[in-house]
Amino acid sequence: MTHTDNGLKAQLNAPDIVVAPGVYDALGASLAEQAGFDTVYLSGASLAYTQLGRPDIGLLSLTEISDAMSHIRERTDLSVVVDCDTGFGNA
């Protein structure tokens, strides 16, 4: 697999709408890729629901979200838009 840094940028600069199905793991991302999508959306809420069985109230750590994204990137050639929840800071 080769990952390109301009895949999402090129999609965003194109006149078409970017359709990015929501996923929460590498399997879902692989299925989206097989279905022909170029981009997926990794939702913090979907991770909280599936990993913790809890609502999205800031319970996931940056490491947990980063790990989920890394698994998707390791197994697919997709661009990934990631919801990083509250930013993990104290601003």
N, C-alpha and C. Protein backbone atom coordinates (compact mmCIF):
# COMPACT_ATOMS: atom_id res chain seq x y z
N MET A 1 0.82 -1.18 0.00
CA MET A 1 0.00 0.00 0.00
C MET A 1 0.87 1.25 0.00
N THR A 2 0.48 2.20 -0.77
CA THR A 2 1.17 3.48 -0.76
C THR A 2 0.18 4.56 -0.39
N HIS A 3 0.57 5.37 0.55
CA HIS A 3 -0.29 6.45 1.01
C HIS A 3 0.18 7.75 0.38
N THR A 4 -0.74 8.53 -0.13
CA THR A 4 -0.39 9.82 -0.71
C THR A 4 -0.91 10.92 0.19
N ASP A 5 -0.13 11.98 0.27
CA ASP A 5 -0.51 13.11 1.11
C ASP A 5 -1.50 14.03 0.41
N ASN A 6 -1.65 13.89 -0.90
CA ASN A 6 -2.51 14.84 -1.60
C ASN A 6 -3.87 14.25 -1.98
N GLY A 7 -4.18 13.05 -1.57
CA GLY A 7 -5.46 12.43 -1.94
C GLY A 7 -6.65 13.25 -1.47
N LEU A 8 -6.71 13.56 -0.21
CA LEU A 8 -7.84 14.32 0.32
C LEU A 8 -7.81 15.76 -0.18
N LYS A 9 -6.63 16.34 -0.24
CA LYS A 9 -6.52 17.72 -0.73
C LYS A 9 -7.06 17.81 -2.15
N ALA A 10 -6.70 16.86 -2.99
CA ALA A 10 -7.20 16.86 -4.37
C ALA A 10 -8.72 16.70 -4.40
N GLN A 11 -9.24 15.85 -3.54
CA GLN A 11 -10.70 15.66 -3.48
C GLN A 11 -11.40 16.94 -3.05
N LEU A 12 -10.84 17.62 -2.06
CA LEU A 12 -11.46 18.84 -1.56
C LEU A 12 -11.39 19.98 -2.57
N ASN A 13 -10.36 19.97 -3.41
CA ASN A 13 -10.22 21.01 -4.43
C ASN A 13 -11.05 20.73 -5.67
N ALA A 14 -11.55 19.52 -5.81
CA ALA A 14 -12.38 19.16 -6.97
C ALA A 14 -13.79 19.74 -6.78
N PRO A 15 -14.52 19.90 -7.87
CA PRO A 15 -15.86 20.48 -7.76
C PRO A 15 -16.90 19.52 -7.17
N ASP A 16 -16.58 18.24 -7.10
CA ASP A 16 -17.53 17.25 -6.59
C ASP A 16 -17.61 17.26 -5.07
N ILE A 17 -18.69 16.73 -4.56
CA ILE A 17 -18.86 16.55 -3.11
C ILE A 17 -18.02 15.36 -2.66
N VAL A 18 -17.36 15.49 -1.53
CA VAL A 18 -16.62 14.36 -0.96
C VAL A 18 -17.57 13.58 -0.08
N VAL A 19 -17.81 12.33 -0.44
CA VAL A 19 -18.66 11.45 0.35
C VAL A 19 -17.75 10.54 1.16
N ALA A 20 -17.83 10.64 2.48
CA ALA A 20 -16.96 9.88 3.36
C ALA A 20 -17.81 9.12 4.38
N PRO A 21 -18.02 7.83 4.17
CA PRO A 21 -18.82 7.07 5.13
C PRO A 21 -18.14 7.02 6.50
N GLY A 22 -18.94 7.01 7.54
CA GLY A 22 -18.42 6.92 8.89
C GLY A 22 -18.00 5.49 9.21
N VAL A 23 -16.83 5.35 9.79
CA VAL A 23 -16.31 4.04 10.20
C VAL A 23 -15.75 4.15 11.61
N TYR A 24 -15.55 3.02 12.24
CA TYR A 24 -14.94 3.02 13.57
C TYR A 24 -13.83 1.99 13.71
N ASP A 25 -13.54 1.25 12.63
CA ASP A 25 -12.45 0.28 12.69
C ASP A 25 -11.93 -0.03 11.30
N ALA A 26 -10.85 -0.82 11.25
CA ALA A 26 -10.22 -1.14 9.97
C ALA A 26 -11.12 -2.00 9.09
N LEU A 27 -11.95 -2.84 9.67
CA LEU A 27 -12.85 -3.67 8.87
C LEU A 27 -13.85 -2.79 8.12
N GLY A 28 -14.47 -1.87 8.82
CA GLY A 28 -15.42 -0.96 8.18
C GLY A 28 -14.74 -0.13 7.10
N ALA A 29 -13.52 0.31 7.36
CA ALA A 29 -12.78 1.08 6.37
C ALA A 29 -12.45 0.23 5.15
N SER A 30 -12.07 -1.02 5.38
CA SER A 30 -11.77 -1.93 4.27
C SER A 30 -13.01 -2.16 3.41
N LEU A 31 -14.15 -2.31 4.05
CA LEU A 31 -15.40 -2.49 3.30
C LEU A 31 -15.74 -1.24 2.50
N ALA A 32 -15.51 -0.07 3.09
CA ALA A 32 -15.75 1.18 2.36
C ALA A 32 -14.82 1.28 1.16
N GLU A 33 -13.58 0.88 1.35
CA GLU A 33 -12.63 0.92 0.24
C GLU A 33 -13.06 -0.04 -0.87
N GLN A 34 -13.48 -1.25 -0.50
CA GLN A 34 -13.95 -2.22 -1.49
C GLN A 34 -15.18 -1.71 -2.23
N ALA A 35 -15.99 -0.90 -1.56
CA ALA A 35 -17.19 -0.33 -2.18
C ALA A 35 -16.87 0.86 -3.09
N GLY A 36 -15.60 1.28 -3.11
CA GLY A 36 -15.19 2.33 -4.02
C GLY A 36 -14.99 3.71 -3.43
N PHE A 37 -15.10 3.84 -2.12
CA PHE A 37 -14.88 5.15 -1.50
C PHE A 37 -13.38 5.45 -1.41
N ASP A 38 -13.03 6.73 -1.46
CA ASP A 38 -11.64 7.17 -1.34
C ASP A 38 -11.33 7.74 0.03
N THR A 39 -12.36 8.11 0.77
CA THR A 39 -12.21 8.78 2.06
C THR A 39 -13.23 8.22 3.04
N VAL A 40 -12.83 8.12 4.30
CA VAL A 40 -13.76 7.72 5.36
C VAL A 40 -13.67 8.74 6.49
N TYR A 41 -14.69 8.73 7.32
CA TYR A 41 -14.77 9.63 8.48
C TYR A 41 -14.72 8.78 9.74
N LEU A 42 -13.73 9.01 10.57
CA LEU A 42 -13.59 8.31 11.85
C LEU A 42 -14.17 9.20 12.93
N SER A 43 -15.31 8.80 13.46
CA SER A 43 -16.06 9.59 14.42
C SER A 43 -15.67 9.24 15.85
N GLY A 44 -15.43 10.26 16.66
CA GLY A 44 -15.18 10.04 18.08
C GLY A 44 -16.37 9.40 18.76
N ALA A 45 -17.57 9.79 18.35
CA ALA A 45 -18.78 9.21 18.94
C ALA A 45 -18.88 7.73 18.61
N SER A 46 -18.61 7.35 17.36
CA SER A 46 -18.71 5.94 17.00
C SER A 46 -17.68 5.11 17.75
N LEU A 47 -16.51 5.66 17.99
CA LEU A 47 -15.51 4.95 18.79
C LEU A 47 -15.98 4.78 20.23
N ALA A 48 -16.54 5.83 20.80
CA ALA A 48 -17.03 5.74 22.18
C ALA A 48 -18.14 4.70 22.29
N TYR A 49 -19.07 4.72 21.33
CA TYR A 49 -20.18 3.76 21.36
C TYR A 49 -19.68 2.32 21.24
N THR A 50 -18.77 2.08 20.29
CA THR A 50 -18.35 0.70 20.02
C THR A 50 -17.27 0.19 20.96
N GLN A 51 -16.39 1.05 21.43
CA GLN A 51 -15.31 0.60 22.30
C GLN A 51 -15.69 0.63 23.78
N LEU A 52 -16.51 1.60 24.15
CA LEU A 52 -16.82 1.77 25.57
C LEU A 52 -18.28 1.51 25.92
N GLY A 53 -19.13 1.49 24.90
CA GLY A 53 -20.56 1.37 25.17
C GLY A 53 -21.10 2.59 25.90
N ARG A 54 -20.49 3.72 25.67
CA ARG A 54 -20.85 4.97 26.34
C ARG A 54 -21.07 6.07 25.32
N PRO A 55 -21.76 7.13 25.71
CA PRO A 55 -21.91 8.27 24.80
C PRO A 55 -20.59 9.02 24.64
N ASP A 56 -20.57 9.90 23.67
CA ASP A 56 -19.38 10.69 23.37
C ASP A 56 -19.28 11.87 24.34
N ILE A 57 -18.69 11.61 25.50
CA ILE A 57 -18.56 12.66 26.52
C ILE A 57 -17.10 12.86 26.93
N GLY A 58 -16.19 12.62 25.98
CA GLY A 58 -14.78 12.86 26.23
C GLY A 58 -14.06 11.78 27.00
N LEU A 59 -14.53 10.54 26.93
CA LEU A 59 -13.91 9.46 27.68
C LEU A 59 -12.74 8.81 26.95
N LEU A 60 -12.67 8.96 25.63
CA LEU A 60 -11.58 8.37 24.87
C LEU A 60 -10.34 9.25 24.94
N SER A 61 -9.19 8.60 25.00
CA SER A 61 -7.93 9.34 25.02
C SER A 61 -7.46 9.60 23.60
N LEU A 62 -6.53 10.52 23.47
CA LEU A 62 -5.92 10.78 22.17
C LEU A 62 -5.28 9.51 21.63
N THR A 63 -4.66 8.73 22.49
CA THR A 63 -4.02 7.49 22.08
C THR A 63 -5.03 6.52 21.49
N GLU A 64 -6.19 6.39 22.09
CA GLU A 64 -7.21 5.46 21.58
C GLU A 64 -7.72 5.88 20.20
N ILE A 65 -7.93 7.16 20.02
CA ILE A 65 -8.39 7.65 18.72
C ILE A 65 -7.27 7.52 17.69
N SER A 66 -6.06 7.84 18.09
CA SER A 66 -4.91 7.72 17.19
C SER A 66 -4.68 6.27 16.78
N ASP A 67 -4.83 5.35 17.72
CA ASP A 67 -4.67 3.92 17.40
C ASP A 67 -5.69 3.46 16.38
N ALA A 68 -6.94 3.88 16.54
CA ALA A 68 -7.99 3.50 15.59
C ALA A 68 -7.66 4.04 14.20
N MET A 69 -7.20 5.28 14.13
CA MET A 69 -6.83 5.86 12.85
C MET A 69 -5.65 5.12 12.24
N SER A 70 -4.67 4.79 13.05
CA SER A 70 -3.49 4.08 12.56
C SER A 70 -3.85 2.72 11.98
N HIS A 71 -4.75 2.01 12.64
CA HIS A 71 -5.18 0.70 12.12
C HIS A 71 -5.83 0.85 10.75
N ILE A 72 -6.64 1.87 10.59
CA ILE A 72 -7.29 2.11 9.29
C ILE A 72 -6.25 2.43 8.23
N ARG A 73 -5.31 3.30 8.55
CA ARG A 73 -4.28 3.70 7.58
C ARG A 73 -3.34 2.54 7.24
N GLU A 74 -3.07 1.66 8.19
CA GLU A 74 -2.19 0.52 7.94
C GLU A 74 -2.83 -0.49 6.99
N ARG A 75 -4.14 -0.57 6.98
CA ARG A 75 -4.83 -1.61 6.24
C ARG A 75 -5.54 -1.14 4.97
N THR A 76 -5.55 0.17 4.74
CA THR A 76 -6.22 0.70 3.54
C THR A 76 -5.38 1.82 2.93
N ASP A 77 -5.78 2.22 1.74
CA ASP A 77 -5.17 3.38 1.08
C ASP A 77 -6.08 4.60 1.15
N LEU A 78 -7.01 4.59 2.06
CA LEU A 78 -8.01 5.65 2.17
C LEU A 78 -7.47 6.89 2.88
N SER A 79 -8.03 8.03 2.50
CA SER A 79 -7.85 9.24 3.30
C SER A 79 -8.81 9.13 4.48
N VAL A 80 -8.39 9.63 5.64
CA VAL A 80 -9.22 9.52 6.84
C VAL A 80 -9.41 10.91 7.45
N VAL A 81 -10.65 11.32 7.58
CA VAL A 81 -10.99 12.54 8.31
C VAL A 81 -11.34 12.10 9.72
N VAL A 82 -10.64 12.65 10.72
CA VAL A 82 -10.78 12.18 12.09
C VAL A 82 -11.39 13.27 12.98
N ASP A 83 -12.42 12.89 13.72
CA ASP A 83 -13.03 13.75 14.73
C ASP A 83 -12.21 13.58 16.00
N CYS A 84 -11.44 14.60 16.35
CA CYS A 84 -10.57 14.51 17.53
C CYS A 84 -11.25 15.05 18.78
N ASP A 85 -12.53 14.90 18.84
CA ASP A 85 -13.31 15.24 20.03
C ASP A 85 -13.03 16.65 20.53
N THR A 86 -12.61 16.75 21.76
CA THR A 86 -12.45 18.04 22.41
C THR A 86 -11.05 18.62 22.27
N GLY A 87 -10.20 17.97 21.51
CA GLY A 87 -8.86 18.50 21.28
C GLY A 87 -7.85 18.10 22.34
N PHE A 88 -8.29 17.48 23.42
CA PHE A 88 -7.41 16.93 24.45
C PHE A 88 -6.55 17.97 25.13
N GLY A 89 -7.04 19.18 25.21
CA GLY A 89 -6.31 20.22 25.90
C GLY A 89 -7.14 20.79 27.03
N ASN A 90 -6.65 21.84 27.63
CA ASN A 90 -7.37 22.46 28.74
C ASN A 90 -7.67 23.93 28.46
N ALA A 91 -7.87 24.25 27.18
CA ALA A 91 -8.12 25.65 26.81
C ALA A 91 -9.47 26.11 27.28
